[in-house]
Amino acid sequence: MEENQRRGYPDPIRPGHTRIGWIGPGIMGSPMAARLISAGYRLTVYARTPSKAAHLLRLGAALAPSPADAARSADVVFTIVSRTSDVRSVLLHPSSGALASLPTGGVLVDCTTCDPALAREVAAAARARGCWSVDAPVSGADVGAREGRLAIFAGGEEAVVRWLAPLFDLLGRATWLGPAGCGQSAKLANQVVGAGSLMGLSEAALFAERAGLGVAEFVEAVRGGAAGTNIMEIFGERVAGRDFAPGGFAEYYVKDLEMALEEAGVKAGAGEQGRMSVAAALPGTALCRQLYSGMIANGDHKMGLHGLITVLERMNGKREGN
């Protein structure tokens, strides 16, 4: 088969044959892309800051000057960027966006946490060009990305999600949740769970310390009980050791919670701008958003999600270094 002949969906995915474009080699994207390269797939990478792609280039990836160039000969294009506006730009820009050059049959896979309405818009635009789109945001932090243990929330055509299984299986466990936008809605719900769990972990660690307990010992004791969670496994030791290096930035968590609250605020029957009606009161999520906004106000926007405890400490009169 000639190199310029279309191969995408439903041609079987296999190493050395399927060509992959990758947009966004950040904290999560870089280890995810590295796992695909290690499995034998050829990647062409676009990075807004090219130095962030250095590790992947050493592994054998090629560097593209634009999202369109990353997609030009790709069968599958992954994106994992920062915000909804970034997703719109790298995918839908009329000249430099990935969809502008993606060959017929190509598949876009967006792993960013973004607006479900945009996921539906991207899916419609892809189908109009004879391509496909799957919204597939991920959860599991940096450790899950490195170890291939991410939860992947997939929305789109079920058959296309099944077709992507050889790639998804290298990254974690994918679950098809419904048509376009459902993956993003599931991720927002996941963030609601995570925010509540992180708030609980932070308050518990603060309480344990004030009660004279060793926080590390407390975390170890809790692991085997009913309060033990994946959040505790991923972040418990980091909180105890005051290691707030990001596995995901606090500023983006605020963005995610704001999107969840915005979706929940759509009244029944409204459905404006392609939005589904959720109409749900989420008081706990609103409180978590307020606390995380406190991190931003304190200048800790680049701190990890588990840095939430620093807000509670400030509320209780403690400052860093005290």
C-alpha atoms as a PDB file:
ATOM      1  CA  MET A   1       0.000   0.000   0.000  1.00  0.00           C
ATOM      2  CA  GLU A   2       1.435   3.389  -0.993  1.00  0.00           C
ATOM      3  CA  GLU A   3       2.297   5.768   1.835  1.00  0.00           C
ATOM      4  CA  ASN A   4      -0.118   8.449   0.594  1.00  0.00           C
ATOM      5  CA  GLN A   5      -3.045   6.063   0.263  1.00  0.00           C
ATOM      6  CA  ARG A   6      -5.747   6.513   2.918  1.00  0.00           C
ATOM      7  CA  ARG A   7      -5.536   3.941   5.685  1.00  0.00           C
ATOM      8  CA  GLY A   8      -7.535   5.235   8.694  1.00  0.00           C
ATOM      9  CA  TYR A   9     -10.729   3.812  10.147  1.00  0.00           C
ATOM     10  CA  PRO A  10     -11.612   0.922   9.721  1.00  0.00           C
ATOM     11  CA  ASP A  11      -8.176  -0.309   8.599  1.00  0.00           C
ATOM     12  CA  PRO A  12      -6.808  -2.336  11.566  1.00  0.00           C
ATOM     13  CA  ILE A  13      -4.505  -0.502  13.949  1.00  0.00           C
ATOM     14  CA  ARG A  14      -1.051  -1.985  14.330  1.00  0.00           C
ATOM     15  CA  PRO A  15       2.496  -0.821  15.128  1.00  0.00           C
ATOM     16  CA  GLY A  16       4.665   0.119  12.155  1.00  0.00           C
ATOM     17  CA  HIS A  17       1.551   0.719  10.079  1.00  0.00           C
ATOM     18  CA  THR A  18      -0.791   3.127  11.872  1.00  0.00           C
ATOM     19  CA  ARG A  19       0.471   6.719  11.810  1.00  0.00           C
ATOM     20  CA  ILE A  20      -0.233   8.903  14.823  1.00  0.00           C
ATOM     21  CA  GLY A  21      -0.211  12.652  15.276  1.00  0.00           C
ATOM     22  CA  TRP A  22       0.186  13.948  18.826  1.00  0.00           C
ATOM     23  CA  ILE A  23      -0.722  17.471  19.916  1.00  0.00           C
ATOM     24  CA  GLY A  24       0.235  18.435  23.460  1.00  0.00           C
ATOM     25  CA  PRO A  25       3.281  16.772  25.090  1.00  0.00           C
ATOM     26  CA  GLY A  26       2.699  18.151  28.592  1.00  0.00           C
ATOM     27  CA  ILE A  27       2.653  16.555  32.037  1.00  0.00           C
ATOM     28  CA  MET A  28       0.102  13.969  30.924  1.00  0.00           C
ATOM     29  CA  GLY A  29       0.611  13.972  27.170  1.00  0.00           C
ATOM     30  CA  SER A  30       4.339  13.261  27.128  1.00  0.00           C
ATOM     31  CA  PRO A  31       4.245   9.955  29.069  1.00  0.00           C
ATOM     32  CA  MET A  32       1.142   8.870  27.169  1.00  0.00           C
ATOM     33  CA  ALA A  33       2.832   9.502  23.814  1.00  0.00           C
ATOM     34  CA  ALA A  34       6.010   7.784  25.023  1.00  0.00           C
ATOM     35  CA  ARG A  35       4.050   4.610  25.720  1.00  0.00           C
ATOM     36  CA  LEU A  36       2.789   4.540  22.124  1.00  0.00           C
ATOM     37  CA  ILE A  37       6.298   5.096  20.743  1.00  0.00           C
ATOM     38  CA  SER A  38       7.642   2.300  22.951  1.00  0.00           C
ATOM     39  CA  ALA A  39       4.973   0.001  21.514  1.00  0.00           C
ATOM     40  CA  GLY A  40       6.281   0.631  17.987  1.00  0.00           C
ATOM     41  CA  TYR A  41       4.007   3.394  16.693  1.00  0.00           C
ATOM     42  CA  ARG A  42       5.351   6.294  14.635  1.00  0.00           C
ATOM     43  CA  LEU A  43       4.412   9.679  16.085  1.00  0.00           C
ATOM     44  CA  THR A  44       4.535  13.185  14.669  1.00  0.00           C
ATOM     45  CA  VAL A  45       4.302  15.685  17.504  1.00  0.00           C
ATOM     46  CA  TYR A  46       3.198  19.306  17.664  1.00  0.00           C
ATOM     47  CA  ALA A  47       4.136  21.310  20.763  1.00  0.00           C
ATOM     48  CA  ARG A  48       3.359  24.997  21.222  1.00  0.00           C
ATOM     49  CA  THR A  49       6.604  25.033  23.251  1.00  0.00           C
ATOM     50  CA  PRO A  50       8.908  22.739  21.195  1.00  0.00           C
ATOM     51  CA  SER A  51      11.248  22.064  24.126  1.00  0.00           C
ATOM     52  CA  LYS A  52       8.432  20.095  25.787  1.00  0.00           C
ATOM     53  CA  ALA A  53       8.697  17.545  22.967  1.00  0.00           C
ATOM     54  CA  ALA A  54      12.445  16.951  23.460  1.00  0.00           C
ATOM     55  CA  HIS A  55      11.973  13.650  25.313  1.00  0.00           C
ATOM     56  CA  LEU A  56       9.680  12.287  22.605  1.00  0.00           C
ATOM     57  CA  LEU A  57      12.074  13.362  19.850  1.00  0.00           C
ATOM     58  CA  ARG A  58      14.848  11.417  21.575  1.00  0.00           C
ATOM     59  CA  LEU A  59      12.559   8.387  21.480  1.00  0.00           C
ATOM     60  CA  GLY A  60      12.149   8.775  17.717  1.00  0.00           C
ATOM     61  CA  ALA A  61       9.139  11.060  17.212  1.00  0.00           C
ATOM     62  CA  ALA A  62       9.158  13.725  14.507  1.00  0.00           C
ATOM     63  CA  LEU A  63       8.363  17.377  15.257  1.00  0.00           C
ATOM     64  CA  ALA A  64       5.654  19.207  13.293  1.00  0.00           C
ATOM     65  CA  PRO A  65       5.452  23.029  12.994  1.00  0.00           C
ATOM     66  CA  SER A  66       1.650  23.139  13.334  1.00  0.00           C
ATOM     67  CA  PRO A  67      -1.312  20.954  14.321  1.00  0.00           C
ATOM     68  CA  ALA A  68      -2.201  20.682  10.646  1.00  0.00           C
ATOM     69  CA  ASP A  69       1.254  19.301   9.862  1.00  0.00           C
ATOM     70  CA  ALA A  70       0.970  16.780  12.698  1.00  0.00           C
ATOM     71  CA  ALA A  71      -2.289  15.521  11.167  1.00  0.00           C
ATOM     72  CA  ARG A  72      -1.403  15.685   7.474  1.00  0.00           C
ATOM     73  CA  SER A  73      -0.485  12.023   7.057  1.00  0.00           C
ATOM     74  CA  ALA A  74      -1.965  10.648  10.282  1.00  0.00           C
ATOM     75  CA  ASP A  75      -4.512   7.901  10.765  1.00  0.00           C
ATOM     76  CA  VAL A  76      -5.183   8.988  14.366  1.00  0.00           C
ATOM     77  CA  VAL A  77      -4.521  12.365  15.998  1.00  0.00           C
ATOM     78  CA  PHE A  78      -4.452  12.659  19.791  1.00  0.00           C
ATOM     79  CA  THR A  79      -4.843  16.012  21.505  1.00  0.00           C
ATOM     80  CA  ILE A  80      -4.298  16.763  25.173  1.00  0.00           C
ATOM     81  CA  VAL A  81      -3.998  20.501  25.721  1.00  0.00           C
ATOM     82  CA  SER A  82      -5.070  22.949  28.421  1.00  0.00           C
ATOM     83  CA  ARG A  83      -8.449  24.516  27.767  1.00  0.00           C
ATOM     84  CA  THR A  84     -11.550  24.382  25.586  1.00  0.00           C
ATOM     85  CA  SER A  85     -10.261  27.362  23.597  1.00  0.00           C
ATOM     86  CA  ASP A  86      -7.009  25.482  22.922  1.00  0.00           C
ATOM     87  CA  VAL A  87      -8.921  22.435  21.683  1.00  0.00           C
ATOM     88  CA  ARG A  88     -10.930  24.616  19.320  1.00  0.00           C
ATOM     89  CA  SER A  89      -7.754  26.215  17.979  1.00  0.00           C
ATOM     90  CA  VAL A  90      -5.667  23.076  17.438  1.00  0.00           C
ATOM     91  CA  LEU A  91      -8.537  21.095  15.917  1.00  0.00           C
ATOM     92  CA  LEU A  92     -10.854  23.517  14.124  1.00  0.00           C
ATOM     93  CA  HIS A  93      -8.718  26.457  12.992  1.00  0.00           C
ATOM     94  CA  PRO A  94      -9.477  26.676   9.246  1.00  0.00           C
ATOM     95  CA  SER A  95      -5.837  26.638   8.139  1.00  0.00           C
ATOM     96  CA  SER A  96      -3.600  25.441  10.983  1.00  0.00           C
ATOM     97  CA  GLY A  97      -6.020  23.100  12.782  1.00  0.00           C
ATOM     98  CA  ALA A  98      -5.635  19.327  12.632  1.00  0.00           C
ATOM     99  CA  LEU A  99      -8.992  18.733  10.945  1.00  0.00           C
ATOM    100  CA  ALA A 100      -8.026  21.020   8.064  1.00  0.00           C
ATOM    101  CA  SER A 101      -5.437  18.491   6.846  1.00  0.00           C
ATOM    102  CA  LEU A 102      -6.578  15.175   8.355  1.00  0.00           C
ATOM    103  CA  PRO A 103      -7.051  12.676   5.493  1.00  0.00           C
ATOM    104  CA  THR A 104     -10.411  11.047   4.904  1.00  0.00           C
ATOM    105  CA  GLY A 105     -11.023   8.256   7.419  1.00  0.00           C
ATOM    106  CA  GLY A 106      -8.762   9.818  10.015  1.00  0.00           C
ATOM    107  CA  VAL A 107      -9.812   9.873  13.661  1.00  0.00           C
ATOM    108  CA  LEU A 108      -9.407  12.709  16.155  1.00  0.00           C
ATOM    109  CA  VAL A 109      -9.060  11.628  19.801  1.00  0.00           C
ATOM    110  CA  ASP A 110      -9.295  14.515  22.252  1.00  0.00           C
ATOM    111  CA  CYS A 111      -8.014  13.621  25.725  1.00  0.00           C
ATOM    112  CA  THR A 112      -8.349  17.178  27.052  1.00  0.00           C
ATOM    113  CA  THR A 113     -11.013  17.911  29.643  1.00  0.00           C
ATOM    114  CA  CYS A 114     -13.183  20.420  27.818  1.00  0.00           C
ATOM    115  CA  ASP A 115     -16.730  21.542  27.098  1.00  0.00           C
ATOM    116  CA  PRO A 116     -19.072  18.692  26.037  1.00  0.00           C
ATOM    117  CA  ALA A 117     -20.712  21.075  23.553  1.00  0.00           C
ATOM    118  CA  LEU A 118     -17.379  21.523  21.767  1.00  0.00           C
ATOM    119  CA  ALA A 119     -16.939  17.740  21.605  1.00  0.00           C
ATOM    120  CA  ARG A 120     -20.241  17.529  19.741  1.00  0.00           C
ATOM    121  CA  GLU A 121     -19.206  20.377  17.451  1.00  0.00           C
ATOM    122  CA  VAL A 122     -15.887  18.699  16.640  1.00  0.00           C
ATOM    123  CA  ALA A 123     -17.629  15.389  15.947  1.00  0.00           C
ATOM    124  CA  ALA A 124     -20.042  17.043  13.514  1.00  0.00           C
ATOM    125  CA  ALA A 125     -17.207  18.885  11.750  1.00  0.00           C
ATOM    126  CA  ALA A 126     -15.186  15.675  11.468  1.00  0.00           C
ATOM    127  CA  ARG A 127     -18.064  13.719   9.941  1.00  0.00           C
ATOM    128  CA  ALA A 128     -18.638  16.528   7.422  1.00  0.00           C
ATOM    129  CA  ARG A 129     -15.072  15.908   6.197  1.00  0.00           C
ATOM    130  CA  GLY A 130     -15.375  12.125   6.117  1.00  0.00           C
ATOM    131  CA  CYS A 131     -13.445  11.749   9.374  1.00  0.00           C
ATOM    132  CA  TRP A 132     -14.318  10.738  12.941  1.00  0.00           C
ATOM    133  CA  SER A 133     -13.908  12.186  16.400  1.00  0.00           C
ATOM    134  CA  VAL A 134     -13.854  10.643  19.877  1.00  0.00           C
ATOM    135  CA  ASP A 135     -13.830  12.697  23.061  1.00  0.00           C
ATOM    136  CA  ALA A 136     -11.671  10.661  25.423  1.00  0.00           C
ATOM    137  CA  PRO A 137     -10.596  12.683  28.474  1.00  0.00           C
ATOM    138  CA  VAL A 138      -8.454  10.792  30.959  1.00  0.00           C
ATOM    139  CA  SER A 139      -8.088  10.470  34.718  1.00  0.00           C
ATOM    140  CA  GLY A 140      -5.249   9.043  36.778  1.00  0.00           C
ATOM    141  CA  ALA A 141      -2.740  11.900  37.135  1.00  0.00           C
ATOM    142  CA  ASP A 142       0.873  11.732  35.995  1.00  0.00           C
ATOM    143  CA  VAL A 143       1.508   8.342  37.620  1.00  0.00           C
ATOM    144  CA  GLY A 144      -1.397   6.798  35.700  1.00  0.00           C
ATOM    145  CA  ALA A 145      -0.075   8.264  32.454  1.00  0.00           C
ATOM    146  CA  ARG A 146       3.407   6.833  33.038  1.00  0.00           C
ATOM    147  CA  GLU A 147       2.169   3.388  34.041  1.00  0.00           C
ATOM    148  CA  GLY A 148      -0.637   3.013  31.490  1.00  0.00           C
ATOM    149  CA  ARG A 149      -3.348   2.944  34.156  1.00  0.00           C
ATOM    150  CA  LEU A 150      -5.532   5.836  33.066  1.00  0.00           C
ATOM    151  CA  ALA A 151      -9.308   5.766  33.130  1.00  0.00           C
ATOM    152  CA  ILE A 152     -10.423   6.863  29.663  1.00  0.00           C
ATOM    153  CA  PHE A 153     -13.965   8.222  29.253  1.00  0.00           C
ATOM    154  CA  ALA A 154     -14.937   7.761  25.614  1.00  0.00           C
ATOM    155  CA  GLY A 155     -17.743   9.478  23.730  1.00  0.00           C
ATOM    156  CA  GLY A 156     -18.488   9.050  20.022  1.00  0.00           C
ATOM    157  CA  GLU A 157     -19.301   6.197  17.676  1.00  0.00           C
ATOM    158  CA  GLU A 158     -18.993   2.947  19.636  1.00  0.00           C
ATOM    159  CA  ALA A 159     -17.430   1.119  16.684  1.00  0.00           C
ATOM    160  CA  VAL A 160     -14.698   3.766  16.389  1.00  0.00           C
ATOM    161  CA  VAL A 161     -13.967   3.516  20.108  1.00  0.00           C
ATOM    162  CA  ARG A 162     -13.635  -0.264  19.740  1.00  0.00           C
ATOM    163  CA  TRP A 163     -11.330   0.263  16.747  1.00  0.00           C
ATOM    164  CA  LEU A 164      -9.073   2.449  18.911  1.00  0.00           C
ATOM    165  CA  ALA A 165      -8.683  -0.312  21.529  1.00  0.00           C
ATOM    166  CA  PRO A 166      -5.073  -1.246  20.590  1.00  0.00           C
ATOM    167  CA  LEU A 167      -4.027   2.328  21.413  1.00  0.00           C
ATOM    168  CA  PHE A 168      -6.290   2.849  24.399  1.00  0.00           C
ATOM    169  CA  ASP A 169      -5.112  -0.430  25.945  1.00  0.00           C
ATOM    170  CA  LEU A 170      -1.564   0.950  26.064  1.00  0.00           C
ATOM    171  CA  LEU A 171      -2.773   3.995  27.976  1.00  0.00           C
ATOM    172  CA  GLY A 172      -5.265   2.479  30.404  1.00  0.00           C
ATOM    173  CA  ARG A 173      -8.857   1.297  30.416  1.00  0.00           C
ATOM    174  CA  ALA A 174     -11.346   2.893  28.025  1.00  0.00           C
ATOM    175  CA  THR A 175     -15.086   2.865  28.639  1.00  0.00           C
ATOM    176  CA  TRP A 176     -17.550   3.875  25.924  1.00  0.00           C
ATOM    177  CA  LEU A 177     -20.209   6.052  27.520  1.00  0.00           C
ATOM    178  CA  GLY A 178     -22.373   7.168  24.616  1.00  0.00           C
ATOM    179  CA  PRO A 179     -22.350   9.572  21.664  1.00  0.00           C
ATOM    180  CA  ALA A 180     -20.137  12.618  21.228  1.00  0.00           C
ATOM    181  CA  GLY A 181     -19.873  14.720  24.378  1.00  0.00           C
ATOM    182  CA  CYS A 182     -20.595  11.857  26.776  1.00  0.00           C
ATOM    183  CA  GLY A 183     -16.910  11.287  27.456  1.00  0.00           C
ATOM    184  CA  GLN A 184     -16.525  14.915  28.499  1.00  0.00           C
ATOM    185  CA  SER A 185     -19.646  14.813  30.667  1.00  0.00           C
ATOM    186  CA  ALA A 186     -18.297  11.699  32.392  1.00  0.00           C
ATOM    187  CA  LYS A 187     -14.937  13.384  33.004  1.00  0.00           C
ATOM    188  CA  LEU A 188     -16.649  16.412  34.545  1.00  0.00           C
ATOM    189  CA  ALA A 189     -18.571  14.061  36.843  1.00  0.00           C
ATOM    190  CA  ASN A 190     -15.247  12.378  37.649  1.00  0.00           C
ATOM    191  CA  GLN A 191     -13.809  15.766  38.601  1.00  0.00           C
ATOM    192  CA  VAL A 192     -16.738  16.325  40.950  1.00  0.00           C
ATOM    193  CA  VAL A 193     -15.875  13.057  42.713  1.00  0.00           C
ATOM    194  CA  GLY A 194     -12.172  13.889  42.756  1.00  0.00           C
ATOM    195  CA  ALA A 195     -12.684  17.381  44.169  1.00  0.00           C
ATOM    196  CA  GLY A 196     -14.770  16.059  47.045  1.00  0.00           C
ATOM    197  CA  SER A 197     -12.214  13.334  47.730  1.00  0.00           C
ATOM    198  CA  LEU A 198      -9.311  15.788  47.695  1.00  0.00           C
ATOM    199  CA  MET A 199     -11.164  18.089  50.045  1.00  0.00           C
ATOM    200  CA  GLY A 200     -11.788  15.126  52.368  1.00  0.00           C
ATOM    201  CA  LEU A 201      -8.131  14.069  52.207  1.00  0.00           C
ATOM    202  CA  SER A 202      -6.985  17.627  52.930  1.00  0.00           C
ATOM    203  CA  GLU A 203      -9.320  18.107  55.886  1.00  0.00           C
ATOM    204  CA  ALA A 204      -8.448  14.676  57.285  1.00  0.00           C
ATOM    205  CA  ALA A 205      -4.704  15.342  57.032  1.00  0.00           C
ATOM    206  CA  LEU A 206      -5.132  18.710  58.754  1.00  0.00           C
ATOM    207  CA  PHE A 207      -7.283  17.148  61.473  1.00  0.00           C
ATOM    208  CA  ALA A 208      -4.817  14.302  62.007  1.00  0.00           C
ATOM    209  CA  GLU A 209      -1.911  16.715  62.352  1.00  0.00           C
ATOM    210  CA  ARG A 210      -3.800  18.921  64.806  1.00  0.00           C
ATOM    211  CA  ALA A 211      -4.694  15.791  66.814  1.00  0.00           C
ATOM    212  CA  GLY A 212      -1.000  14.976  67.200  1.00  0.00           C
ATOM    213  CA  LEU A 213      -0.905  12.131  64.681  1.00  0.00           C
ATOM    214  CA  GLY A 214       1.777  11.588  62.085  1.00  0.00           C
ATOM    215  CA  VAL A 215       0.108  12.339  58.745  1.00  0.00           C
ATOM    216  CA  ALA A 216       2.098   9.653  56.920  1.00  0.00           C
ATOM    217  CA  GLU A 217       1.128   7.054  59.533  1.00  0.00           C
ATOM    218  CA  PHE A 218      -2.502   8.151  59.348  1.00  0.00           C
ATOM    219  CA  VAL A 219      -2.530   7.795  55.554  1.00  0.00           C
ATOM    220  CA  GLU A 220      -1.048   4.305  55.813  1.00  0.00           C
ATOM    221  CA  ALA A 221      -3.631   3.286  58.419  1.00  0.00           C
ATOM    222  CA  VAL A 222      -6.555   4.529  56.330  1.00  0.00           C
ATOM    223  CA  ARG A 223      -5.526   2.681  53.155  1.00  0.00           C
ATOM    224  CA  GLY A 224      -7.049  -0.619  54.191  1.00  0.00           C
ATOM    225  CA  GLY A 225     -10.328   0.801  55.483  1.00  0.00           C
ATOM    226  CA  ALA A 226     -13.514   2.107  53.961  1.00  0.00           C
ATOM    227  CA  ALA A 227     -12.035   5.608  53.575  1.00  0.00           C
ATOM    228  CA  GLY A 228      -9.170   4.325  51.410  1.00  0.00           C
ATOM    229  CA  THR A 229      -9.529   5.603  47.825  1.00  0.00           C
ATOM    230  CA  ASN A 230      -7.504   5.987  44.643  1.00  0.00           C
ATOM    231  CA  ILE A 231      -7.178   9.662  45.532  1.00  0.00           C
ATOM    232  CA  MET A 232      -5.568   8.561  48.800  1.00  0.00           C
ATOM    233  CA  GLU A 233      -3.272   6.148  46.945  1.00  0.00           C
ATOM    234  CA  ILE A 234      -2.153   8.753  44.413  1.00  0.00           C
ATOM    235  CA  PHE A 235      -1.899  11.795  46.654  1.00  0.00           C
ATOM    236  CA  GLY A 236      -1.822  10.645  50.293  1.00  0.00           C
ATOM    237  CA  GLU A 237       1.945  10.242  50.597  1.00  0.00           C
ATOM    238  CA  ARG A 238       2.525  13.437  48.637  1.00  0.00           C
ATOM    239  CA  VAL A 239       0.336  15.392  51.051  1.00  0.00           C
ATOM    240  CA  ALA A 240       2.070  13.809  54.034  1.00  0.00           C
ATOM    241  CA  GLY A 241       5.480  14.645  52.551  1.00  0.00           C
ATOM    242  CA  ARG A 242       4.354  18.114  51.455  1.00  0.00           C
ATOM    243  CA  ASP A 243       5.294  17.304  47.875  1.00  0.00           C
ATOM    244  CA  PHE A 244       2.970  19.514  45.870  1.00  0.00           C
ATOM    245  CA  ALA A 245       4.616  19.034  42.471  1.00  0.00           C
ATOM    246  CA  PRO A 246       1.838  18.905  39.887  1.00  0.00           C
ATOM    247  CA  GLY A 247       0.428  15.749  38.381  1.00  0.00           C
ATOM    248  CA  GLY A 248      -2.212  18.178  37.111  1.00  0.00           C
ATOM    249  CA  PHE A 249      -2.304  21.910  37.709  1.00  0.00           C
ATOM    250  CA  ALA A 250      -4.683  23.420  40.257  1.00  0.00           C
ATOM    251  CA  GLU A 251      -5.649  26.176  37.809  1.00  0.00           C
ATOM    252  CA  TYR A 252      -7.018  23.603  35.371  1.00  0.00           C
ATOM    253  CA  TYR A 253      -9.038  21.925  38.105  1.00  0.00           C
ATOM    254  CA  VAL A 254     -10.799  25.235  38.719  1.00  0.00           C
ATOM    255  CA  LYS A 255     -11.581  25.290  35.006  1.00  0.00           C
ATOM    256  CA  ASP A 256     -13.002  21.760  35.154  1.00  0.00           C
ATOM    257  CA  LEU A 257     -15.194  22.469  38.170  1.00  0.00           C
ATOM    258  CA  GLU A 258     -16.460  25.675  36.581  1.00  0.00           C
ATOM    259  CA  MET A 259     -17.435  23.710  33.468  1.00  0.00           C
ATOM    260  CA  ALA A 260     -19.272  21.138  35.599  1.00  0.00           C
ATOM    261  CA  LEU A 261     -21.180  23.905  37.389  1.00  0.00           C
ATOM    262  CA  GLU A 262     -21.935  25.610  34.095  1.00  0.00           C
ATOM    263  CA  GLU A 263     -23.308  22.372  32.642  1.00  0.00           C
ATOM    264  CA  ALA A 264     -25.316  21.759  35.808  1.00  0.00           C
ATOM    265  CA  GLY A 265     -26.778  25.254  35.539  1.00  0.00           C
ATOM    266  CA  VAL A 266     -28.389  24.642  32.134  1.00  0.00           C
ATOM    267  CA  LYS A 267     -32.106  24.634  32.767  1.00  0.00           C
ATOM    268  CA  ALA A 268     -34.389  21.922  31.464  1.00  0.00           C
ATOM    269  CA  GLY A 269     -35.412  22.686  27.910  1.00  0.00           C
ATOM    270  CA  ALA A 270     -32.735  25.346  27.391  1.00  0.00           C
ATOM    271  CA  GLY A 271     -30.150  23.443  25.351  1.00  0.00           C
ATOM    272  CA  GLU A 272     -28.501  26.613  24.051  1.00  0.00           C
ATOM    273  CA  GLN A 273     -25.274  26.416  22.047  1.00  0.00           C
ATOM    274  CA  GLY A 274     -25.485  22.666  21.732  1.00  0.00           C
ATOM    275  CA  ARG A 275     -25.695  22.078  25.466  1.00  0.00           C
ATOM    276  CA  MET A 276     -27.573  19.207  27.037  1.00  0.00           C
ATOM    277  CA  SER A 277     -29.943  19.954  29.898  1.00  0.00           C
ATOM    278  CA  VAL A 278     -28.440  18.896  33.230  1.00  0.00           C
ATOM    279  CA  ALA A 279     -30.182  21.192  35.738  1.00  0.00           C
ATOM    280  CA  ALA A 280     -28.612  19.852  38.942  1.00  0.00           C
ATOM    281  CA  ALA A 281     -27.694  21.604  42.192  1.00  0.00           C
ATOM    282  CA  LEU A 282     -24.086  20.779  43.133  1.00  0.00           C
ATOM    283  CA  PRO A 283     -23.349  22.579  46.419  1.00  0.00           C
ATOM    284  CA  GLY A 284     -20.284  20.494  47.270  1.00  0.00           C
ATOM    285  CA  THR A 285     -18.768  21.174  43.867  1.00  0.00           C
ATOM    286  CA  ALA A 286     -19.412  24.888  44.287  1.00  0.00           C
ATOM    287  CA  LEU A 287     -17.584  24.820  47.629  1.00  0.00           C
ATOM    288  CA  CYS A 288     -14.629  22.931  46.153  1.00  0.00           C
ATOM    289  CA  ARG A 289     -14.442  25.392  43.272  1.00  0.00           C
ATOM    290  CA  GLN A 290     -14.320  28.225  45.813  1.00  0.00           C
ATOM    291  CA  LEU A 291     -11.499  26.541  47.752  1.00  0.00           C
ATOM    292  CA  TYR A 292      -9.487  25.853  44.612  1.00  0.00           C
ATOM    293  CA  SER A 293     -10.053  29.453  43.547  1.00  0.00           C
ATOM    294  CA  GLY A 294      -8.412  30.316  46.852  1.00  0.00           C
ATOM    295  CA  MET A 295      -5.303  28.457  45.695  1.00  0.00           C
ATOM    296  CA  ILE A 296      -5.242  30.594  42.568  1.00  0.00           C
ATOM    297  CA  ALA A 297      -5.656  33.768  44.627  1.00  0.00           C
ATOM    298  CA  ASN A 298      -2.729  32.654  46.810  1.00  0.00           C
ATOM    299  CA  GLY A 299      -0.514  32.356  43.722  1.00  0.00           C
ATOM    300  CA  ASP A 300      -0.488  28.552  43.803  1.00  0.00           C
ATOM    301  CA  HIS A 301      -2.086  28.006  40.371  1.00  0.00           C
ATOM    302  CA  LYS A 302       0.817  25.804  39.190  1.00  0.00           C
ATOM    303  CA  MET A 303       0.711  23.643  42.314  1.00  0.00           C
ATOM    304  CA  GLY A 304      -0.669  20.105  42.145  1.00  0.00           C
ATOM    305  CA  LEU A 305      -4.331  19.386  42.854  1.00  0.00           C
ATOM    306  CA  HIS A 306      -3.466  17.990  46.272  1.00  0.00           C
ATOM    307  CA  GLY A 307      -2.098  21.377  47.308  1.00  0.00           C
ATOM    308  CA  LEU A 308      -5.650  22.144  48.402  1.00  0.00           C
ATOM    309  CA  ILE A 309      -4.539  21.504  51.979  1.00  0.00           C
ATOM    310  CA  THR A 310      -2.563  24.767  51.872  1.00  0.00           C
ATOM    311  CA  VAL A 311      -5.827  26.705  51.568  1.00  0.00           C
ATOM    312  CA  LEU A 312      -7.232  24.978  54.645  1.00  0.00           C
ATOM    313  CA  GLU A 313      -4.014  25.654  56.516  1.00  0.00           C
ATOM    314  CA  ARG A 314      -4.260  29.346  55.695  1.00  0.00           C
ATOM    315  CA  MET A 315      -7.853  29.335  56.908  1.00  0.00           C
ATOM    316  CA  ASN A 316      -6.556  27.887  60.174  1.00  0.00           C
ATOM    317  CA  GLY A 317      -3.837  30.481  60.576  1.00  0.00           C
ATOM    318  CA  LYS A 318      -0.877  28.527  59.177  1.00  0.00           C
ATOM    319  CA  ARG A 319       1.426  29.878  56.476  1.00  0.00           C
ATOM    320  CA  GLU A 320       4.189  28.097  54.568  1.00  0.00           C
ATOM    321  CA  GLY A 321       7.310  28.096  56.703  1.00  0.00           C
ATOM    322  CA  ASN A 322       5.416  28.361  60.000  1.00  0.00           C
END
